[in-house]
């Protein structure tokens, strides 16, 4: 059973996150064989203007959450993965999205031909509203997709949305991966390959 887990940081928890980084990695190491993809979401890089002129609202480097996609034996193991994680236990996260997921690419992020650093990367979450959409790999986007598949109910019978990790020239191009009018909401987060620093 494949699962997508997105831990979203509290806005004031960066210092605690960094303090627990080794514990987080040690916890993740126990699931190394089950990992399809992993990595942090990052603060959005954008400019804003005020009386003093344009300033940077997000640095594009500060972590804002963690994404893990895994193949696990059952829902109980997935819940243990999500909620026994040291950052969750210490209060780093404001919420956790844990959903069944289906891997439509049949590979891990380490098999992605673009490698771990080439181009900008994004997590795209389309939260479903009604009839299922985007159930096949988008034509012509295969070279940019790192992970792609539907978000599903606990029993995998109901479509709840779509999740993708991809390389794209910017957030708008990443968002365009999904059929806009078929979702209640689409979130786009800068993302990077995760794991221990070499």
C-alpha atoms as a PDB file:
ATOM      1  CA  UNK A   1       0.000   0.000   0.000  1.00  0.00           C
ATOM      2  CA  UNK A   2       1.391   3.364  -0.977  1.00  0.00           C
ATOM      3  CA  UNK A   3       0.906   6.448   1.170  1.00  0.00           C
ATOM      4  CA  UNK A   4       1.690  10.146   0.889  1.00  0.00           C
ATOM      5  CA  UNK A   5       2.515  11.955   4.129  1.00  0.00           C
ATOM      6  CA  UNK A   6       2.899  15.754   4.222  1.00  0.00           C
ATOM      7  CA  UNK A   7       3.930  17.190   7.592  1.00  0.00           C
ATOM      8  CA  UNK A   8       3.380  20.982   7.572  1.00  0.00           C
ATOM      9  CA  UNK A   9       5.526  23.053   9.928  1.00  0.00           C
ATOM     10  CA  UNK A  10       4.242  25.559  12.454  1.00  0.00           C
ATOM     11  CA  UNK A  11       5.477  29.025  11.485  1.00  0.00           C
ATOM     12  CA  UNK A  12       7.652  29.358  14.605  1.00  0.00           C
ATOM     13  CA  UNK A  13       9.163  25.850  14.695  1.00  0.00           C
ATOM     14  CA  UNK A  14      12.300  26.145  12.512  1.00  0.00           C
ATOM     15  CA  UNK A  15      14.758  26.091  15.435  1.00  0.00           C
ATOM     16  CA  UNK A  16      13.088  23.007  16.908  1.00  0.00           C
ATOM     17  CA  UNK A  17      13.046  21.340  13.477  1.00  0.00           C
ATOM     18  CA  UNK A  18      16.789  21.897  13.096  1.00  0.00           C
ATOM     19  CA  UNK A  19      17.449  20.669  16.637  1.00  0.00           C
ATOM     20  CA  UNK A  20      15.651  17.406  15.817  1.00  0.00           C
ATOM     21  CA  UNK A  21      17.120  16.897  12.341  1.00  0.00           C
ATOM     22  CA  UNK A  22      19.332  13.932  13.253  1.00  0.00           C
ATOM     23  CA  UNK A  23      16.463  12.264  15.126  1.00  0.00           C
ATOM     24  CA  UNK A  24      14.219  12.827  12.087  1.00  0.00           C
ATOM     25  CA  UNK A  25      16.764  11.281   9.729  1.00  0.00           C
ATOM     26  CA  UNK A  26      17.315   8.324  12.065  1.00  0.00           C
ATOM     27  CA  UNK A  27      13.562   7.733  12.146  1.00  0.00           C
ATOM     28  CA  UNK A  28      13.394   7.932   8.339  1.00  0.00           C
ATOM     29  CA  UNK A  29      16.363   5.548   7.966  1.00  0.00           C
ATOM     30  CA  UNK A  30      14.163   2.783   9.368  1.00  0.00           C
ATOM     31  CA  UNK A  31      11.951   3.188   6.276  1.00  0.00           C
ATOM     32  CA  UNK A  32      14.689   3.546   3.640  1.00  0.00           C
ATOM     33  CA  UNK A  33      13.612   0.454   1.691  1.00  0.00           C
ATOM     34  CA  UNK A  34       9.972   1.620   1.606  1.00  0.00           C
ATOM     35  CA  UNK A  35      10.655   5.176   0.383  1.00  0.00           C
ATOM     36  CA  UNK A  36       9.394   6.243  -3.032  1.00  0.00           C
ATOM     37  CA  UNK A  37      10.196   9.931  -2.464  1.00  0.00           C
ATOM     38  CA  UNK A  38      11.133  12.276   0.368  1.00  0.00           C
ATOM     39  CA  UNK A  39      12.141  15.861   0.932  1.00  0.00           C
ATOM     40  CA  UNK A  40      11.273  19.228   2.438  1.00  0.00           C
ATOM     41  CA  UNK A  41       8.859  21.800   1.115  1.00  0.00           C
ATOM     42  CA  UNK A  42      10.397  25.273   1.157  1.00  0.00           C
ATOM     43  CA  UNK A  43       9.338  28.861   1.713  1.00  0.00           C
ATOM     44  CA  UNK A  44       7.978  30.463  -1.453  1.00  0.00           C
ATOM     45  CA  UNK A  45      10.402  32.841  -3.119  1.00  0.00           C
ATOM     46  CA  UNK A  46       8.500  35.959  -4.110  1.00  0.00           C
ATOM     47  CA  UNK A  47       8.854  39.703  -4.027  1.00  0.00           C
ATOM     48  CA  UNK A  48       6.516  42.088  -2.314  1.00  0.00           C
ATOM     49  CA  UNK A  49       6.560  45.847  -2.187  1.00  0.00           C
ATOM     50  CA  UNK A  50       6.184  48.218   0.702  1.00  0.00           C
ATOM     51  CA  UNK A  51       7.041  51.875   1.281  1.00  0.00           C
ATOM     52  CA  UNK A  52      10.769  51.044   1.096  1.00  0.00           C
ATOM     53  CA  UNK A  53      10.490  49.148  -2.218  1.00  0.00           C
ATOM     54  CA  UNK A  54      10.500  45.437  -3.149  1.00  0.00           C
ATOM     55  CA  UNK A  55      11.560  42.903  -0.539  1.00  0.00           C
ATOM     56  CA  UNK A  56      11.808  39.112  -0.430  1.00  0.00           C
ATOM     57  CA  UNK A  57       8.833  37.497   1.318  1.00  0.00           C
ATOM     58  CA  UNK A  58      10.241  33.964   1.218  1.00  0.00           C
ATOM     59  CA  UNK A  59      13.825  32.834   0.764  1.00  0.00           C
ATOM     60  CA  UNK A  60      13.172  29.648  -1.213  1.00  0.00           C
ATOM     61  CA  UNK A  61      15.418  27.757   1.227  1.00  0.00           C
ATOM     62  CA  UNK A  62      13.684  27.702   4.624  1.00  0.00           C
ATOM     63  CA  UNK A  63      11.843  24.403   5.248  1.00  0.00           C
ATOM     64  CA  UNK A  64       8.057  24.653   5.664  1.00  0.00           C
ATOM     65  CA  UNK A  65       7.239  20.951   5.820  1.00  0.00           C
ATOM     66  CA  UNK A  66       8.276  17.428   4.851  1.00  0.00           C
ATOM     67  CA  UNK A  67       6.914  15.099   2.182  1.00  0.00           C
ATOM     68  CA  UNK A  68       7.316  11.338   2.279  1.00  0.00           C
ATOM     69  CA  UNK A  69       5.830   8.823  -0.150  1.00  0.00           C
ATOM     70  CA  UNK A  70       6.181   5.219   0.959  1.00  0.00           C
ATOM     71  CA  UNK A  71       5.090   1.682   0.176  1.00  0.00           C
ATOM     72  CA  UNK A  72       3.995   0.253   3.545  1.00  0.00           C
ATOM     73  CA  UNK A  73       2.227  -2.946   4.607  1.00  0.00           C
ATOM     74  CA  UNK A  74      -0.887  -1.306   6.063  1.00  0.00           C
ATOM     75  CA  UNK A  75      -2.592   1.846   7.339  1.00  0.00           C
ATOM     76  CA  UNK A  76      -1.474   1.232  10.939  1.00  0.00           C
ATOM     77  CA  UNK A  77       2.175   1.320   9.840  1.00  0.00           C
ATOM     78  CA  UNK A  78       1.507   4.518   7.880  1.00  0.00           C
ATOM     79  CA  UNK A  79      -0.073   6.176  10.932  1.00  0.00           C
ATOM     80  CA  UNK A  80       2.871   5.100  13.096  1.00  0.00           C
ATOM     81  CA  UNK A  81       5.261   6.538  10.488  1.00  0.00           C
ATOM     82  CA  UNK A  82       3.418   9.877  10.447  1.00  0.00           C
ATOM     83  CA  UNK A  83       2.668  10.332  14.133  1.00  0.00           C
ATOM     84  CA  UNK A  84       5.645   8.681  15.849  1.00  0.00           C
ATOM     85  CA  UNK A  85       8.018  10.894  13.860  1.00  0.00           C
ATOM     86  CA  UNK A  86      10.186  12.921  16.307  1.00  0.00           C
ATOM     87  CA  UNK A  87       9.200  16.323  14.895  1.00  0.00           C
ATOM     88  CA  UNK A  88       5.516  15.483  15.189  1.00  0.00           C
ATOM     89  CA  UNK A  89       5.967  14.274  18.769  1.00  0.00           C
ATOM     90  CA  UNK A  90       7.850  17.478  19.682  1.00  0.00           C
ATOM     91  CA  UNK A  91       5.285  19.848  18.109  1.00  0.00           C
ATOM     92  CA  UNK A  92       7.182  20.971  14.990  1.00  0.00           C
ATOM     93  CA  UNK A  93       4.153  20.483  12.738  1.00  0.00           C
ATOM     94  CA  UNK A  94       0.829  22.324  12.623  1.00  0.00           C
ATOM     95  CA  UNK A  95      -0.886  19.483  10.737  1.00  0.00           C
ATOM     96  CA  UNK A  96      -0.323  16.255   8.819  1.00  0.00           C
ATOM     97  CA  UNK A  97      -1.907  15.120   5.557  1.00  0.00           C
ATOM     98  CA  UNK A  98      -1.777  11.309   5.372  1.00  0.00           C
ATOM     99  CA  UNK A  99      -3.496   9.674   2.393  1.00  0.00           C
ATOM    100  CA  UNK A 100      -3.402   6.458   0.459  1.00  0.00           C
ATOM    101  CA  UNK A 101      -1.702   7.104  -2.861  1.00  0.00           C
ATOM    102  CA  UNK A 102      -1.082   5.149  -6.073  1.00  0.00           C
ATOM    103  CA  UNK A 103       2.295   5.321  -7.813  1.00  0.00           C
ATOM    104  CA  UNK A 104       1.533   5.756 -11.531  1.00  0.00           C
ATOM    105  CA  UNK A 105       5.200   6.096 -12.544  1.00  0.00           C
ATOM    106  CA  UNK A 106       6.435   2.838 -11.026  1.00  0.00           C
ATOM    107  CA  UNK A 107       9.737   4.311  -9.858  1.00  0.00           C
ATOM    108  CA  UNK A 108      11.315   6.132  -6.954  1.00  0.00           C
ATOM    109  CA  UNK A 109      12.674   9.664  -6.970  1.00  0.00           C
ATOM    110  CA  UNK A 110      16.195   8.188  -7.153  1.00  0.00           C
ATOM    111  CA  UNK A 111      15.273   6.793 -10.598  1.00  0.00           C
ATOM    112  CA  UNK A 112      14.214  10.236 -11.878  1.00  0.00           C
ATOM    113  CA  UNK A 113      16.351  10.914 -14.990  1.00  0.00           C
ATOM    114  CA  UNK A 114      16.701  14.623 -14.133  1.00  0.00           C
ATOM    115  CA  UNK A 115      18.749  13.859 -11.015  1.00  0.00           C
ATOM    116  CA  UNK A 116      18.404  15.472  -7.600  1.00  0.00           C
ATOM    117  CA  UNK A 117      19.323  19.090  -8.378  1.00  0.00           C
ATOM    118  CA  UNK A 118      18.569  20.003 -12.014  1.00  0.00           C
ATOM    119  CA  UNK A 119      15.847  22.690 -12.233  1.00  0.00           C
ATOM    120  CA  UNK A 120      13.184  23.909  -9.816  1.00  0.00           C
ATOM    121  CA  UNK A 121      11.078  21.244  -8.091  1.00  0.00           C
ATOM    122  CA  UNK A 122       7.546  21.425  -6.699  1.00  0.00           C
ATOM    123  CA  UNK A 123       4.986  19.476  -4.730  1.00  0.00           C
ATOM    124  CA  UNK A 124       1.529  19.892  -6.309  1.00  0.00           C
ATOM    125  CA  UNK A 125      -1.487  18.797  -4.267  1.00  0.00           C
ATOM    126  CA  UNK A 126      -4.882  18.886  -5.943  1.00  0.00           C
ATOM    127  CA  UNK A 127      -7.660  18.339  -3.415  1.00  0.00           C
ATOM    128  CA  UNK A 128     -10.583  16.637  -5.114  1.00  0.00           C
ATOM    129  CA  UNK A 129     -14.105  17.876  -5.592  1.00  0.00           C
ATOM    130  CA  UNK A 130     -16.373  15.281  -7.171  1.00  0.00           C
ATOM    131  CA  UNK A 131     -15.580  13.120 -10.156  1.00  0.00           C
ATOM    132  CA  UNK A 132     -12.023  11.800 -10.399  1.00  0.00           C
ATOM    133  CA  UNK A 133      -9.574  13.650 -12.643  1.00  0.00           C
ATOM    134  CA  UNK A 134      -5.985  13.314 -13.839  1.00  0.00           C
ATOM    135  CA  UNK A 135      -5.909   9.539 -13.337  1.00  0.00           C
ATOM    136  CA  UNK A 136      -3.253   8.941 -15.980  1.00  0.00           C
ATOM    137  CA  UNK A 137       0.258  10.314 -16.376  1.00  0.00           C
ATOM    138  CA  UNK A 138      -0.029  13.590 -18.325  1.00  0.00           C
ATOM    139  CA  UNK A 139       1.167  13.230 -21.908  1.00  0.00           C
ATOM    140  CA  UNK A 140       4.452  14.936 -22.638  1.00  0.00           C
ATOM    141  CA  UNK A 141       5.298  15.533 -18.948  1.00  0.00           C
ATOM    142  CA  UNK A 142       6.964  12.207 -18.119  1.00  0.00           C
ATOM    143  CA  UNK A 143      10.491  13.618 -18.227  1.00  0.00           C
ATOM    144  CA  UNK A 144       9.575  16.226 -15.600  1.00  0.00           C
ATOM    145  CA  UNK A 145       7.619  13.983 -13.223  1.00  0.00           C
ATOM    146  CA  UNK A 146       9.395  12.698 -10.133  1.00  0.00           C
ATOM    147  CA  UNK A 147       6.289  11.127  -8.547  1.00  0.00           C
ATOM    148  CA  UNK A 148       2.652  11.179  -9.680  1.00  0.00           C
ATOM    149  CA  UNK A 149      -0.588   9.575  -8.589  1.00  0.00           C
ATOM    150  CA  UNK A 150      -4.058   9.888  -7.093  1.00  0.00           C
ATOM    151  CA  UNK A 151      -4.800  10.587  -3.432  1.00  0.00           C
ATOM    152  CA  UNK A 152      -7.277   7.980  -2.197  1.00  0.00           C
ATOM    153  CA  UNK A 153      -9.577   7.233   0.732  1.00  0.00           C
ATOM    154  CA  UNK A 154      -8.347   4.854   3.440  1.00  0.00           C
ATOM    155  CA  UNK A 155      -9.918   1.868   1.652  1.00  0.00           C
ATOM    156  CA  UNK A 156      -8.595   3.108  -1.740  1.00  0.00           C
ATOM    157  CA  UNK A 157     -12.087   3.178  -3.274  1.00  0.00           C
ATOM    158  CA  UNK A 158     -12.664   6.950  -3.445  1.00  0.00           C
ATOM    159  CA  UNK A 159     -10.561   9.530  -5.291  1.00  0.00           C
ATOM    160  CA  UNK A 160      -9.675  12.492  -3.060  1.00  0.00           C
ATOM    161  CA  UNK A 161      -7.254  14.320  -5.325  1.00  0.00           C
ATOM    162  CA  UNK A 162      -3.902  14.102  -7.052  1.00  0.00           C
ATOM    163  CA  UNK A 163      -0.339  14.568  -5.807  1.00  0.00           C
ATOM    164  CA  UNK A 164       2.794  15.115  -7.860  1.00  0.00           C
ATOM    165  CA  UNK A 165       6.428  15.961  -7.397  1.00  0.00           C
ATOM    166  CA  UNK A 166       7.839  17.524 -10.538  1.00  0.00           C
ATOM    167  CA  UNK A 167      10.430  19.726 -12.152  1.00  0.00           C
ATOM    168  CA  UNK A 168       8.936  22.900 -13.640  1.00  0.00           C
ATOM    169  CA  UNK A 169      10.105  26.403 -14.612  1.00  0.00           C
ATOM    170  CA  UNK A 170       7.892  27.961 -11.923  1.00  0.00           C
ATOM    171  CA  UNK A 171       4.806  27.539  -9.714  1.00  0.00           C
ATOM    172  CA  UNK A 172       2.328  28.397 -12.485  1.00  0.00           C
ATOM    173  CA  UNK A 173       3.781  25.738 -14.779  1.00  0.00           C
ATOM    174  CA  UNK A 174       3.690  23.226 -11.921  1.00  0.00           C
ATOM    175  CA  UNK A 175       0.051  24.066 -11.171  1.00  0.00           C
ATOM    176  CA  UNK A 176      -0.858  23.661 -14.862  1.00  0.00           C
ATOM    177  CA  UNK A 177      -0.087  19.937 -14.511  1.00  0.00           C
ATOM    178  CA  UNK A 178      -3.581  19.450 -13.048  1.00  0.00           C
ATOM    179  CA  UNK A 179      -7.009  20.130 -14.571  1.00  0.00           C
ATOM    180  CA  UNK A 180      -7.854  23.313 -12.657  1.00  0.00           C
ATOM    181  CA  UNK A 181     -11.661  23.113 -12.604  1.00  0.00           C
ATOM    182  CA  UNK A 182     -11.723  19.557 -11.213  1.00  0.00           C
ATOM    183  CA  UNK A 183     -10.293  20.487  -7.812  1.00  0.00           C
ATOM    184  CA  UNK A 184     -11.606  22.344  -4.778  1.00  0.00           C
ATOM    185  CA  UNK A 185      -8.059  23.606  -4.182  1.00  0.00           C
ATOM    186  CA  UNK A 186      -4.602  23.208  -5.689  1.00  0.00           C
ATOM    187  CA  UNK A 187      -1.523  23.835  -3.552  1.00  0.00           C
ATOM    188  CA  UNK A 188       1.946  24.338  -5.018  1.00  0.00           C
ATOM    189  CA  UNK A 189       4.988  24.179  -2.743  1.00  0.00           C
ATOM    190  CA  UNK A 190       8.670  24.483  -3.695  1.00  0.00           C
ATOM    191  CA  UNK A 191      10.272  21.116  -2.867  1.00  0.00           C
ATOM    192  CA  UNK A 192      13.682  19.489  -2.992  1.00  0.00           C
ATOM    193  CA  UNK A 193      15.091  15.983  -2.844  1.00  0.00           C
ATOM    194  CA  UNK A 194      15.576  15.013   0.787  1.00  0.00           C
ATOM    195  CA  UNK A 195      17.671  12.714   2.906  1.00  0.00           C
ATOM    196  CA  UNK A 196      20.932  12.945   4.729  1.00  0.00           C
ATOM    197  CA  UNK A 197      23.524  15.376   3.439  1.00  0.00           C
ATOM    198  CA  UNK A 198      26.400  13.522   1.819  1.00  0.00           C
END
